[in-house]
Amino acid sequence: MINFIFALLAATPVHAELVEKTVAIVGSEVVLESDFKDLEKKLGKQGLVDESLLFGKPIESLKGNRKAQLDYLINESLLQSEIKRLNLSVTADRVDSEIKDMAKRNNVNESELFNIIKGQGISATEYKNFLKQSIEKRSLMDAEIISKLRISDEDALNEYLKKNPNAGPSIDEFSVAHIFFSPKKGGGEAALKRAETVLIKLRNGDNFDTLAQQHSEDPNFSAGGSLGTFKSGEFLPEIEQAISTLKVNETSGIVKSRMGFHIVKLTGKKLTTDPKFEAAKERIKAFLLEESFKRQLKTWLANKREESFVRINE
């Protein structure tokens, strides 16, 4: 038996490689020591690192920083685990098709495209692997995050006004109705009290048009208390100020003007926005979409870490 054991030892090469160290286990994926070496190589080649996983930090922040590299590799493993779980892996044919489309978009043939890539120090195999992972990640992000993002024109306008506080939408044209109380009827104090009484009724749900019909003291009264349509600067400044924060069909409190007291209803308005905003709107929306994506991706990855089995062996 002893001779048999010695024979086995003699038959085993002394230079046999040891099993590679597993640095972390992430769901169904593992992070190996060789992954750090591969990442260091990618850092020296333009375009092979997924910058979305850096969350605004420069690629240089990964160089020589093992903690940052481990965090990056864990995030990549989380993505790969989800890609497999959702069956989003792509075939070599799909990658080849993407390369053909890329060559066509750049008006070169495939050989010329690979020569360009080779000139950047990236082999065809490296690039195909990177492209495969990129397509898979894009499918995952579309399904999990991007399809759920919504950026409205209003979001873009708010962002524009934040950076350009002196610019903004202005009321180009507005339609108003009012219930008017004249100081000529018993004096200013009595007119104000009548206005307060009607305002209480309005706040309690009474119909504006009916109250106008019953109580307005406008000598030129028209149906519903309508005053007509005006452009900015054409009407009483106190009323323009009062309606500036109203939405259509909302009513003001009591507004005092040189004529008397008014309860005003905004019945319509037409807004004009800064033409500079209109020119920049789509660019602003793209920026907000990208920022929202970064935030959501960070939250999504944090949640996946909570849900997944992650064990670090360092």
C-alpha atoms as a PDB file:
ATOM      1  CA  MET A   1       0.000   0.000   0.000  1.00  0.00           C
ATOM      2  CA  ILE A   2       2.822   2.383   0.898  1.00  0.00           C
ATOM      3  CA  ASN A   3       4.580   1.637  -2.381  1.00  0.00           C
ATOM      4  CA  PHE A   4       1.300   2.376  -4.242  1.00  0.00           C
ATOM      5  CA  ILE A   5       0.986   5.814  -2.582  1.00  0.00           C
ATOM      6  CA  PHE A   6       4.585   6.649  -3.471  1.00  0.00           C
ATOM      7  CA  ALA A   7       3.904   5.567  -7.031  1.00  0.00           C
ATOM      8  CA  LEU A   8       0.941   7.992  -7.189  1.00  0.00           C
ATOM      9  CA  LEU A   9       3.025  10.839  -5.817  1.00  0.00           C
ATOM     10  CA  ALA A  10       5.778  10.103  -8.327  1.00  0.00           C
ATOM     11  CA  ALA A  11       3.237  10.135 -11.145  1.00  0.00           C
ATOM     12  CA  THR A  12       1.903  13.591 -10.164  1.00  0.00           C
ATOM     13  CA  PRO A  13       3.894  16.479 -11.768  1.00  0.00           C
ATOM     14  CA  VAL A  14       5.443  18.713  -9.119  1.00  0.00           C
ATOM     15  CA  HIS A  15       4.589  21.752 -11.290  1.00  0.00           C
ATOM     16  CA  ALA A  16       0.815  21.025 -11.355  1.00  0.00           C
ATOM     17  CA  GLU A  17      -1.170  24.273 -11.086  1.00  0.00           C
ATOM     18  CA  LEU A  18      -3.110  24.979  -7.915  1.00  0.00           C
ATOM     19  CA  VAL A  19      -6.850  25.656  -8.120  1.00  0.00           C
ATOM     20  CA  GLU A  20      -7.339  29.391  -8.705  1.00  0.00           C
ATOM     21  CA  LYS A  21      -8.410  31.435  -5.704  1.00  0.00           C
ATOM     22  CA  THR A  22     -12.088  32.426  -5.552  1.00  0.00           C
ATOM     23  CA  VAL A  23     -12.260  35.981  -4.252  1.00  0.00           C
ATOM     24  CA  ALA A  24     -16.054  36.290  -4.101  1.00  0.00           C
ATOM     25  CA  ILE A  25     -19.210  34.308  -4.795  1.00  0.00           C
ATOM     26  CA  VAL A  26     -22.056  36.362  -6.257  1.00  0.00           C
ATOM     27  CA  GLY A  27     -25.241  34.385  -6.800  1.00  0.00           C
ATOM     28  CA  SER A  28     -24.418  31.900  -9.541  1.00  0.00           C
ATOM     29  CA  GLU A  29     -21.211  33.727 -10.477  1.00  0.00           C
ATOM     30  CA  VAL A  30     -17.710  33.724  -8.990  1.00  0.00           C
ATOM     31  CA  VAL A  31     -15.047  36.437  -8.953  1.00  0.00           C
ATOM     32  CA  LEU A  32     -11.617  34.866  -9.447  1.00  0.00           C
ATOM     33  CA  GLU A  33      -8.164  36.274  -8.828  1.00  0.00           C
ATOM     34  CA  SER A  34      -7.572  36.236 -12.586  1.00  0.00           C
ATOM     35  CA  ASP A  35     -10.553  38.593 -13.029  1.00  0.00           C
ATOM     36  CA  PHE A  36      -8.532  41.339 -11.351  1.00  0.00           C
ATOM     37  CA  LYS A  37      -5.682  40.798 -13.808  1.00  0.00           C
ATOM     38  CA  ASP A  38      -8.117  40.838 -16.744  1.00  0.00           C
ATOM     39  CA  LEU A  39      -9.663  44.068 -15.447  1.00  0.00           C
ATOM     40  CA  GLU A  40      -6.240  45.701 -15.128  1.00  0.00           C
ATOM     41  CA  LYS A  41      -5.573  44.819 -18.766  1.00  0.00           C
ATOM     42  CA  LYS A  42      -8.911  46.292 -19.835  1.00  0.00           C
ATOM     43  CA  LEU A  43      -8.109  49.527 -18.010  1.00  0.00           C
ATOM     44  CA  GLY A  44      -5.239  50.058 -20.422  1.00  0.00           C
ATOM     45  CA  LYS A  45      -7.472  49.657 -23.459  1.00  0.00           C
ATOM     46  CA  GLN A  46     -10.019  52.303 -24.401  1.00  0.00           C
ATOM     47  CA  GLY A  47     -13.669  51.279 -24.334  1.00  0.00           C
ATOM     48  CA  LEU A  48     -13.505  47.866 -22.629  1.00  0.00           C
ATOM     49  CA  VAL A  49     -14.672  49.043 -19.188  1.00  0.00           C
ATOM     50  CA  ASP A  50     -18.383  49.600 -18.516  1.00  0.00           C
ATOM     51  CA  GLU A  51     -18.377  53.211 -17.344  1.00  0.00           C
ATOM     52  CA  SER A  52     -22.021  53.029 -16.204  1.00  0.00           C
ATOM     53  CA  LEU A  53     -20.803  50.866 -13.288  1.00  0.00           C
ATOM     54  CA  LEU A  54     -18.481  53.657 -12.134  1.00  0.00           C
ATOM     55  CA  PHE A  55     -21.385  56.045 -11.377  1.00  0.00           C
ATOM     56  CA  GLY A  56     -19.614  59.179 -12.540  1.00  0.00           C
ATOM     57  CA  LYS A  57     -16.140  58.314 -11.263  1.00  0.00           C
ATOM     58  CA  PRO A  58     -13.261  58.313 -13.770  1.00  0.00           C
ATOM     59  CA  ILE A  59     -11.862  55.019 -15.060  1.00  0.00           C
ATOM     60  CA  GLU A  60      -8.585  55.956 -13.350  1.00  0.00           C
ATOM     61  CA  SER A  61     -10.308  55.420  -9.992  1.00  0.00           C
ATOM     62  CA  LEU A  62     -10.080  51.659 -10.642  1.00  0.00           C
ATOM     63  CA  LYS A  63      -6.353  51.578 -11.365  1.00  0.00           C
ATOM     64  CA  GLY A  64      -4.431  49.953  -8.519  1.00  0.00           C
ATOM     65  CA  ASN A  65      -7.514  50.157  -6.258  1.00  0.00           C
ATOM     66  CA  ARG A  66      -8.393  46.558  -5.328  1.00  0.00           C
ATOM     67  CA  LYS A  67     -11.434  47.545  -3.239  1.00  0.00           C
ATOM     68  CA  ALA A  68     -12.914  49.569  -6.131  1.00  0.00           C
ATOM     69  CA  GLN A  69     -12.078  46.769  -8.569  1.00  0.00           C
ATOM     70  CA  LEU A  70     -13.818  44.185  -6.374  1.00  0.00           C
ATOM     71  CA  ASP A  71     -16.904  46.396  -6.159  1.00  0.00           C
ATOM     72  CA  TYR A  72     -16.903  46.745  -9.967  1.00  0.00           C
ATOM     73  CA  LEU A  73     -16.472  42.986 -10.491  1.00  0.00           C
ATOM     74  CA  ILE A  74     -19.270  42.168  -8.026  1.00  0.00           C
ATOM     75  CA  ASN A  75     -21.603  44.526  -9.896  1.00  0.00           C
ATOM     76  CA  GLU A  76     -20.654  42.900 -13.193  1.00  0.00           C
ATOM     77  CA  SER A  77     -21.328  39.481 -11.668  1.00  0.00           C
ATOM     78  CA  LEU A  78     -24.750  40.616 -10.452  1.00  0.00           C
ATOM     79  CA  LEU A  79     -25.576  41.712 -13.989  1.00  0.00           C
ATOM     80  CA  GLN A  80     -24.347  38.441 -15.497  1.00  0.00           C
ATOM     81  CA  SER A  81     -26.335  36.440 -12.960  1.00  0.00           C
ATOM     82  CA  GLU A  82     -29.532  38.332 -13.892  1.00  0.00           C
ATOM     83  CA  ILE A  83     -28.803  37.968 -17.615  1.00  0.00           C
ATOM     84  CA  LYS A  84     -28.632  34.197 -17.183  1.00  0.00           C
ATOM     85  CA  ARG A  85     -31.693  34.091 -14.935  1.00  0.00           C
ATOM     86  CA  LEU A  86     -33.770  36.043 -17.466  1.00  0.00           C
ATOM     87  CA  ASN A  87     -32.324  34.079 -20.396  1.00  0.00           C
ATOM     88  CA  LEU A  88     -30.968  37.206 -22.106  1.00  0.00           C
ATOM     89  CA  SER A  89     -27.706  35.674 -23.331  1.00  0.00           C
ATOM     90  CA  VAL A  90     -26.977  36.332 -27.009  1.00  0.00           C
ATOM     91  CA  THR A  91     -25.440  34.048 -29.610  1.00  0.00           C
ATOM     92  CA  ALA A  92     -22.259  34.518 -31.616  1.00  0.00           C
ATOM     93  CA  ASP A  93     -24.449  35.086 -34.686  1.00  0.00           C
ATOM     94  CA  ARG A  94     -26.119  38.045 -32.973  1.00  0.00           C
ATOM     95  CA  VAL A  95     -22.703  39.521 -32.174  1.00  0.00           C
ATOM     96  CA  ASP A  96     -21.557  39.037 -35.785  1.00  0.00           C
ATOM     97  CA  SER A  97     -24.748  40.751 -36.987  1.00  0.00           C
ATOM     98  CA  GLU A  98     -24.075  43.707 -34.686  1.00  0.00           C
ATOM     99  CA  ILE A  99     -20.524  43.988 -36.057  1.00  0.00           C
ATOM    100  CA  LYS A 100     -21.836  44.018 -39.639  1.00  0.00           C
ATOM    101  CA  ASP A 101     -24.286  46.793 -38.758  1.00  0.00           C
ATOM    102  CA  MET A 102     -21.528  48.735 -37.008  1.00  0.00           C
ATOM    103  CA  ALA A 103     -19.241  48.476 -40.038  1.00  0.00           C
ATOM    104  CA  LYS A 104     -22.074  49.619 -42.307  1.00  0.00           C
ATOM    105  CA  ARG A 105     -22.867  52.634 -40.099  1.00  0.00           C
ATOM    106  CA  ASN A 106     -19.217  53.673 -40.245  1.00  0.00           C
ATOM    107  CA  ASN A 107     -18.911  53.096 -44.024  1.00  0.00           C
ATOM    108  CA  VAL A 108     -16.187  50.445 -43.677  1.00  0.00           C
ATOM    109  CA  ASN A 109     -16.078  46.693 -44.222  1.00  0.00           C
ATOM    110  CA  GLU A 110     -15.586  44.238 -41.353  1.00  0.00           C
ATOM    111  CA  SER A 111     -11.864  43.782 -41.991  1.00  0.00           C
ATOM    112  CA  GLU A 112     -11.336  47.540 -41.895  1.00  0.00           C
ATOM    113  CA  LEU A 113     -13.389  47.777 -38.684  1.00  0.00           C
ATOM    114  CA  PHE A 114     -11.275  45.140 -36.965  1.00  0.00           C
ATOM    115  CA  ASN A 115      -8.109  46.882 -38.142  1.00  0.00           C
ATOM    116  CA  ILE A 116      -9.350  50.065 -36.468  1.00  0.00           C
ATOM    117  CA  ILE A 117     -10.109  48.104 -33.287  1.00  0.00           C
ATOM    118  CA  LYS A 118      -6.727  46.379 -33.453  1.00  0.00           C
ATOM    119  CA  GLY A 119      -5.083  49.785 -33.763  1.00  0.00           C
ATOM    120  CA  GLN A 120      -6.506  50.583 -30.320  1.00  0.00           C
ATOM    121  CA  GLY A 121      -4.756  47.541 -28.871  1.00  0.00           C
ATOM    122  CA  ILE A 122      -7.893  45.383 -28.744  1.00  0.00           C
ATOM    123  CA  SER A 123      -8.023  41.935 -30.307  1.00  0.00           C
ATOM    124  CA  ALA A 124     -11.041  40.690 -32.268  1.00  0.00           C
ATOM    125  CA  THR A 125     -11.791  38.116 -29.544  1.00  0.00           C
ATOM    126  CA  GLU A 126     -11.645  40.741 -26.800  1.00  0.00           C
ATOM    127  CA  TYR A 127     -13.931  43.037 -28.711  1.00  0.00           C
ATOM    128  CA  LYS A 128     -16.463  40.316 -29.535  1.00  0.00           C
ATOM    129  CA  ASN A 129     -16.613  39.291 -25.865  1.00  0.00           C
ATOM    130  CA  PHE A 130     -17.100  42.926 -24.827  1.00  0.00           C
ATOM    131  CA  LEU A 131     -19.769  43.460 -27.484  1.00  0.00           C
ATOM    132  CA  LYS A 132     -21.618  40.293 -26.426  1.00  0.00           C
ATOM    133  CA  GLN A 133     -21.693  41.470 -22.810  1.00  0.00           C
ATOM    134  CA  SER A 134     -22.750  44.968 -23.870  1.00  0.00           C
ATOM    135  CA  ILE A 135     -25.722  43.688 -25.894  1.00  0.00           C
ATOM    136  CA  GLU A 136     -26.804  41.469 -22.992  1.00  0.00           C
ATOM    137  CA  LYS A 137     -26.492  44.301 -20.465  1.00  0.00           C
ATOM    138  CA  ARG A 138     -28.432  46.641 -22.736  1.00  0.00           C
ATOM    139  CA  SER A 139     -31.288  44.116 -22.964  1.00  0.00           C
ATOM    140  CA  LEU A 140     -31.278  43.730 -19.186  1.00  0.00           C
ATOM    141  CA  MET A 141     -31.217  47.484 -18.546  1.00  0.00           C
ATOM    142  CA  ASP A 142     -33.999  48.072 -21.089  1.00  0.00           C
ATOM    143  CA  ALA A 143     -36.198  45.525 -19.341  1.00  0.00           C
ATOM    144  CA  GLU A 144     -35.393  46.399 -15.735  1.00  0.00           C
ATOM    145  CA  ILE A 145     -34.762  50.160 -15.736  1.00  0.00           C
ATOM    146  CA  ILE A 146     -34.913  52.172 -18.970  1.00  0.00           C
ATOM    147  CA  SER A 147     -38.442  51.106 -19.962  1.00  0.00           C
ATOM    148  CA  LYS A 148     -39.686  52.448 -16.615  1.00  0.00           C
ATOM    149  CA  LEU A 149     -38.066  55.889 -16.839  1.00  0.00           C
ATOM    150  CA  ARG A 150     -40.259  58.878 -17.710  1.00  0.00           C
ATOM    151  CA  ILE A 151     -38.943  62.392 -18.384  1.00  0.00           C
ATOM    152  CA  SER A 152     -41.617  64.975 -19.222  1.00  0.00           C
ATOM    153  CA  ASP A 153     -41.402  68.389 -20.866  1.00  0.00           C
ATOM    154  CA  GLU A 154     -42.221  69.827 -17.443  1.00  0.00           C
ATOM    155  CA  ASP A 155     -39.205  68.040 -15.923  1.00  0.00           C
ATOM    156  CA  ALA A 156     -37.025  69.554 -18.649  1.00  0.00           C
ATOM    157  CA  LEU A 157     -38.473  73.027 -18.067  1.00  0.00           C
ATOM    158  CA  ASN A 158     -37.854  72.816 -14.315  1.00  0.00           C
ATOM    159  CA  GLU A 159     -34.238  71.835 -14.972  1.00  0.00           C
ATOM    160  CA  TYR A 160     -33.868  74.712 -17.432  1.00  0.00           C
ATOM    161  CA  LEU A 161     -35.327  77.227 -14.956  1.00  0.00           C
ATOM    162  CA  LYS A 162     -33.022  75.908 -12.232  1.00  0.00           C
ATOM    163  CA  LYS A 163     -30.024  76.844 -14.367  1.00  0.00           C
ATOM    164  CA  ASN A 164     -31.633  79.934 -15.904  1.00  0.00           C
ATOM    165  CA  PRO A 165     -33.674  81.491 -13.060  1.00  0.00           C
ATOM    166  CA  ASN A 166     -34.334  84.705 -14.979  1.00  0.00           C
ATOM    167  CA  ALA A 167     -35.933  82.865 -17.887  1.00  0.00           C
ATOM    168  CA  GLY A 168     -39.301  81.210 -17.818  1.00  0.00           C
ATOM    169  CA  PRO A 169     -42.699  80.743 -19.348  1.00  0.00           C
ATOM    170  CA  SER A 170     -44.879  83.822 -19.553  1.00  0.00           C
ATOM    171  CA  ILE A 171     -48.617  84.125 -20.053  1.00  0.00           C
ATOM    172  CA  ASP A 172     -48.943  85.310 -23.604  1.00  0.00           C
ATOM    173  CA  GLU A 173     -52.728  85.423 -23.594  1.00  0.00           C
ATOM    174  CA  PHE A 174     -55.331  84.829 -20.888  1.00  0.00           C
ATOM    175  CA  SER A 175     -59.112  84.709 -20.506  1.00  0.00           C
ATOM    176  CA  VAL A 176     -60.716  85.763 -17.237  1.00  0.00           C
ATOM    177  CA  ALA A 177     -64.051  86.172 -15.529  1.00  0.00           C
ATOM    178  CA  HIS A 178     -64.732  88.049 -12.321  1.00  0.00           C
ATOM    179  CA  ILE A 179     -67.294  88.819  -9.680  1.00  0.00           C
ATOM    180  CA  PHE A 180     -67.002  92.542  -9.028  1.00  0.00           C
ATOM    181  CA  PHE A 181     -67.890  94.508  -5.894  1.00  0.00           C
ATOM    182  CA  SER A 182     -68.080  98.292  -6.298  1.00  0.00           C
ATOM    183  CA  PRO A 183     -67.105 100.772  -3.536  1.00  0.00           C
ATOM    184  CA  LYS A 184     -69.673 103.124  -5.068  1.00  0.00           C
ATOM    185  CA  LYS A 185     -72.321 100.975  -3.429  1.00  0.00           C
ATOM    186  CA  GLY A 186     -72.007 101.796   0.298  1.00  0.00           C
ATOM    187  CA  GLY A 187     -68.246 102.435   0.386  1.00  0.00           C
ATOM    188  CA  GLY A 188     -65.099 100.326   0.278  1.00  0.00           C
ATOM    189  CA  GLU A 189     -65.559  98.518   3.602  1.00  0.00           C
ATOM    190  CA  ALA A 190     -69.077  97.391   2.719  1.00  0.00           C
ATOM    191  CA  ALA A 191     -67.908  96.225  -0.731  1.00  0.00           C
ATOM    192  CA  LEU A 192     -65.124  94.180   0.880  1.00  0.00           C
ATOM    193  CA  LYS A 193     -67.596  92.504   3.252  1.00  0.00           C
ATOM    194  CA  ARG A 194     -69.871  91.566   0.342  1.00  0.00           C
ATOM    195  CA  ALA A 195     -66.862  90.099  -1.441  1.00  0.00           C
ATOM    196  CA  GLU A 196     -65.910  88.065   1.643  1.00  0.00           C
ATOM    197  CA  THR A 197     -69.455  86.672   1.904  1.00  0.00           C
ATOM    198  CA  VAL A 198     -69.430  85.546  -1.728  1.00  0.00           C
ATOM    199  CA  LEU A 199     -65.921  84.088  -1.410  1.00  0.00           C
ATOM    200  CA  ILE A 200     -67.111  81.879   1.459  1.00  0.00           C
ATOM    201  CA  LYS A 201     -69.956  80.590  -0.722  1.00  0.00           C
ATOM    202  CA  LEU A 202     -67.496  79.906  -3.534  1.00  0.00           C
ATOM    203  CA  ARG A 203     -65.139  78.016  -1.218  1.00  0.00           C
ATOM    204  CA  ASN A 204     -68.116  75.987  -0.004  1.00  0.00           C
ATOM    205  CA  GLY A 205     -68.715  74.743  -3.532  1.00  0.00           C
ATOM    206  CA  ASP A 206     -71.221  77.186  -5.033  1.00  0.00           C
ATOM    207  CA  ASN A 207     -70.964  77.647  -8.786  1.00  0.00           C
ATOM    208  CA  PHE A 208     -68.858  80.631  -9.898  1.00  0.00           C
ATOM    209  CA  ASP A 209     -71.109  81.514 -12.857  1.00  0.00           C
ATOM    210  CA  THR A 210     -74.228  81.460 -10.678  1.00  0.00           C
ATOM    211  CA  LEU A 211     -72.597  83.598  -7.978  1.00  0.00           C
ATOM    212  CA  ALA A 212     -71.444  86.051 -10.648  1.00  0.00           C
ATOM    213  CA  GLN A 213     -74.990  86.251 -11.995  1.00  0.00           C
ATOM    214  CA  GLN A 214     -76.388  86.870  -8.519  1.00  0.00           C
ATOM    215  CA  HIS A 215     -73.772  89.155  -6.951  1.00  0.00           C
ATOM    216  CA  SER A 216     -71.491  90.842  -9.486  1.00  0.00           C
ATOM    217  CA  GLU A 217     -71.820  94.635  -9.534  1.00  0.00           C
ATOM    218  CA  ASP A 218     -70.051  95.096 -12.860  1.00  0.00           C
ATOM    219  CA  PRO A 219     -72.177  97.571 -14.871  1.00  0.00           C
ATOM    220  CA  ASN A 220     -71.032  95.841 -18.072  1.00  0.00           C
ATOM    221  CA  PHE A 221     -71.795  92.346 -16.740  1.00  0.00           C
ATOM    222  CA  SER A 222     -71.765  89.506 -19.252  1.00  0.00           C
ATOM    223  CA  ALA A 223     -72.614  85.814 -18.817  1.00  0.00           C
ATOM    224  CA  GLY A 224     -70.470  84.077 -16.172  1.00  0.00           C
ATOM    225  CA  GLY A 225     -68.762  87.354 -15.346  1.00  0.00           C
ATOM    226  CA  SER A 226     -66.557  87.018 -18.441  1.00  0.00           C
ATOM    227  CA  LEU A 227     -64.176  89.884 -19.067  1.00  0.00           C
ATOM    228  CA  GLY A 228     -62.804  88.479 -22.328  1.00  0.00           C
ATOM    229  CA  THR A 229     -59.315  87.582 -23.544  1.00  0.00           C
ATOM    230  CA  PHE A 230     -56.214  89.755 -23.084  1.00  0.00           C
ATOM    231  CA  LYS A 231     -52.512  89.693 -23.816  1.00  0.00           C
ATOM    232  CA  SER A 232     -49.962  90.186 -21.046  1.00  0.00           C
ATOM    233  CA  GLY A 233     -49.722  93.841 -20.079  1.00  0.00           C
ATOM    234  CA  GLU A 234     -53.101  94.767 -21.498  1.00  0.00           C
ATOM    235  CA  PHE A 235     -55.162  94.380 -18.308  1.00  0.00           C
ATOM    236  CA  LEU A 236     -55.212  95.539 -14.692  1.00  0.00           C
ATOM    237  CA  PRO A 237     -51.810  94.637 -13.193  1.00  0.00           C
ATOM    238  CA  GLU A 238     -53.412  93.524  -9.901  1.00  0.00           C
ATOM    239  CA  ILE A 239     -55.538  90.953 -11.746  1.00  0.00           C
ATOM    240  CA  GLU A 240     -52.631  89.808 -13.918  1.00  0.00           C
ATOM    241  CA  GLN A 241     -50.615  89.267 -10.737  1.00  0.00           C
ATOM    242  CA  ALA A 242     -53.490  87.364  -9.111  1.00  0.00           C
ATOM    243  CA  ILE A 243     -53.907  84.919 -12.007  1.00  0.00           C
ATOM    244  CA  SER A 244     -50.166  84.379 -12.542  1.00  0.00           C
ATOM    245  CA  THR A 245     -50.141  81.338 -10.218  1.00  0.00           C
ATOM    246  CA  LEU A 246     -53.615  80.020 -11.096  1.00  0.00           C
ATOM    247  CA  LYS A 247     -54.366  76.986 -13.200  1.00  0.00           C
ATOM    248  CA  VAL A 248     -57.209  77.143 -15.705  1.00  0.00           C
ATOM    249  CA  ASN A 249     -60.628  77.121 -13.925  1.00  0.00           C
ATOM    250  CA  GLU A 250     -59.091  78.046 -10.569  1.00  0.00           C
ATOM    251  CA  THR A 251     -60.260  81.164  -8.720  1.00  0.00           C
ATOM    252  CA  SER A 252     -58.368  83.795  -6.767  1.00  0.00           C
ATOM    253  CA  GLY A 253     -59.020  85.256  -3.379  1.00  0.00           C
ATOM    254  CA  ILE A 254     -60.243  88.844  -3.125  1.00  0.00           C
ATOM    255  CA  VAL A 255     -58.220  91.151  -5.362  1.00  0.00           C
ATOM    256  CA  LYS A 256     -58.238  94.883  -4.763  1.00  0.00           C
ATOM    257  CA  SER A 257     -57.811  97.219  -7.741  1.00  0.00           C
ATOM    258  CA  ARG A 258     -58.355 100.924  -8.326  1.00  0.00           C
ATOM    259  CA  MET A 259     -61.875 100.013  -9.485  1.00  0.00           C
ATOM    260  CA  GLY A 260     -62.933  98.012  -6.421  1.00  0.00           C
ATOM    261  CA  PHE A 261     -62.805  94.366  -5.314  1.00  0.00           C
ATOM    262  CA  HIS A 262     -62.744  91.274  -7.544  1.00  0.00           C
ATOM    263  CA  ILE A 263     -62.911  87.518  -7.229  1.00  0.00           C
ATOM    264  CA  VAL A 264     -61.205  86.327 -10.417  1.00  0.00           C
ATOM    265  CA  LYS A 265     -61.457  83.052 -12.321  1.00  0.00           C
ATOM    266  CA  LEU A 266     -58.866  82.073 -14.940  1.00  0.00           C
ATOM    267  CA  THR A 267     -60.842  80.485 -17.760  1.00  0.00           C
ATOM    268  CA  GLY A 268     -58.014  79.991 -20.244  1.00  0.00           C
ATOM    269  CA  LYS A 269     -54.369  80.820 -20.936  1.00  0.00           C
ATOM    270  CA  LYS A 270     -51.785  80.422 -23.627  1.00  0.00           C
ATOM    271  CA  LEU A 271     -48.158  80.063 -22.523  1.00  0.00           C
ATOM    272  CA  THR A 272     -45.090  80.992 -24.474  1.00  0.00           C
ATOM    273  CA  THR A 273     -41.778  79.523 -23.370  1.00  0.00           C
ATOM    274  CA  ASP A 274     -38.291  80.850 -23.821  1.00  0.00           C
ATOM    275  CA  PRO A 275     -37.224  79.901 -27.379  1.00  0.00           C
ATOM    276  CA  LYS A 276     -33.811  78.997 -25.950  1.00  0.00           C
ATOM    277  CA  PHE A 277     -35.539  76.364 -23.826  1.00  0.00           C
ATOM    278  CA  GLU A 278     -37.351  74.950 -26.839  1.00  0.00           C
ATOM    279  CA  ALA A 279     -34.024  74.650 -28.652  1.00  0.00           C
ATOM    280  CA  ALA A 280     -32.392  72.916 -25.666  1.00  0.00           C
ATOM    281  CA  LYS A 281     -35.362  70.798 -24.531  1.00  0.00           C
ATOM    282  CA  GLU A 282     -34.400  67.472 -26.101  1.00  0.00           C
ATOM    283  CA  ARG A 283     -30.793  67.789 -24.938  1.00  0.00           C
ATOM    284  CA  ILE A 284     -31.990  68.533 -21.385  1.00  0.00           C
ATOM    285  CA  LYS A 285     -34.360  65.544 -21.472  1.00  0.00           C
ATOM    286  CA  ALA A 286     -31.504  63.293 -22.626  1.00  0.00           C
ATOM    287  CA  PHE A 287     -29.342  64.581 -19.762  1.00  0.00           C
ATOM    288  CA  LEU A 288     -32.121  64.008 -17.198  1.00  0.00           C
ATOM    289  CA  LEU A 289     -32.738  60.524 -18.598  1.00  0.00           C
ATOM    290  CA  GLU A 290     -29.072  59.633 -18.208  1.00  0.00           C
ATOM    291  CA  GLU A 291     -28.935  61.013 -14.655  1.00  0.00           C
ATOM    292  CA  SER A 292     -32.125  59.174 -13.735  1.00  0.00           C
ATOM    293  CA  PHE A 293     -30.706  55.963 -15.223  1.00  0.00           C
ATOM    294  CA  LYS A 294     -27.540  56.266 -13.104  1.00  0.00           C
ATOM    295  CA  ARG A 295     -29.576  56.717  -9.933  1.00  0.00           C
ATOM    296  CA  GLN A 296     -31.912  53.842 -10.756  1.00  0.00           C
ATOM    297  CA  LEU A 297     -29.040  51.529 -11.735  1.00  0.00           C
ATOM    298  CA  LYS A 298     -27.273  52.238  -8.440  1.00  0.00           C
ATOM    299  CA  THR A 299     -30.482  51.494  -6.504  1.00  0.00           C
ATOM    300  CA  TRP A 300     -31.176  48.387  -8.605  1.00  0.00           C
ATOM    301  CA  LEU A 301     -27.687  46.975  -7.965  1.00  0.00           C
ATOM    302  CA  ALA A 302     -27.954  47.719  -4.240  1.00  0.00           C
ATOM    303  CA  ASN A 303     -31.266  45.850  -4.114  1.00  0.00           C
ATOM    304  CA  LYS A 304     -29.791  42.903  -6.028  1.00  0.00           C
ATOM    305  CA  ARG A 305     -26.935  42.724  -3.517  1.00  0.00           C
ATOM    306  CA  GLU A 306     -29.508  42.539  -0.748  1.00  0.00           C
ATOM    307  CA  GLU A 307     -31.448  39.804  -2.556  1.00  0.00           C
ATOM    308  CA  SER A 308     -28.485  37.746  -3.789  1.00  0.00           C
ATOM    309  CA  PHE A 309     -26.005  35.548  -1.989  1.00  0.00           C
ATOM    310  CA  VAL A 310     -22.728  37.490  -1.906  1.00  0.00           C
ATOM    311  CA  ARG A 311     -19.703  36.134  -0.038  1.00  0.00           C
ATOM    312  CA  ILE A 312     -16.297  37.800  -0.120  1.00  0.00           C
ATOM    313  CA  ASN A 313     -13.304  35.668   0.786  1.00  0.00           C
ATOM    314  CA  GLU A 314     -10.838  38.485   1.457  1.00  0.00           C
END
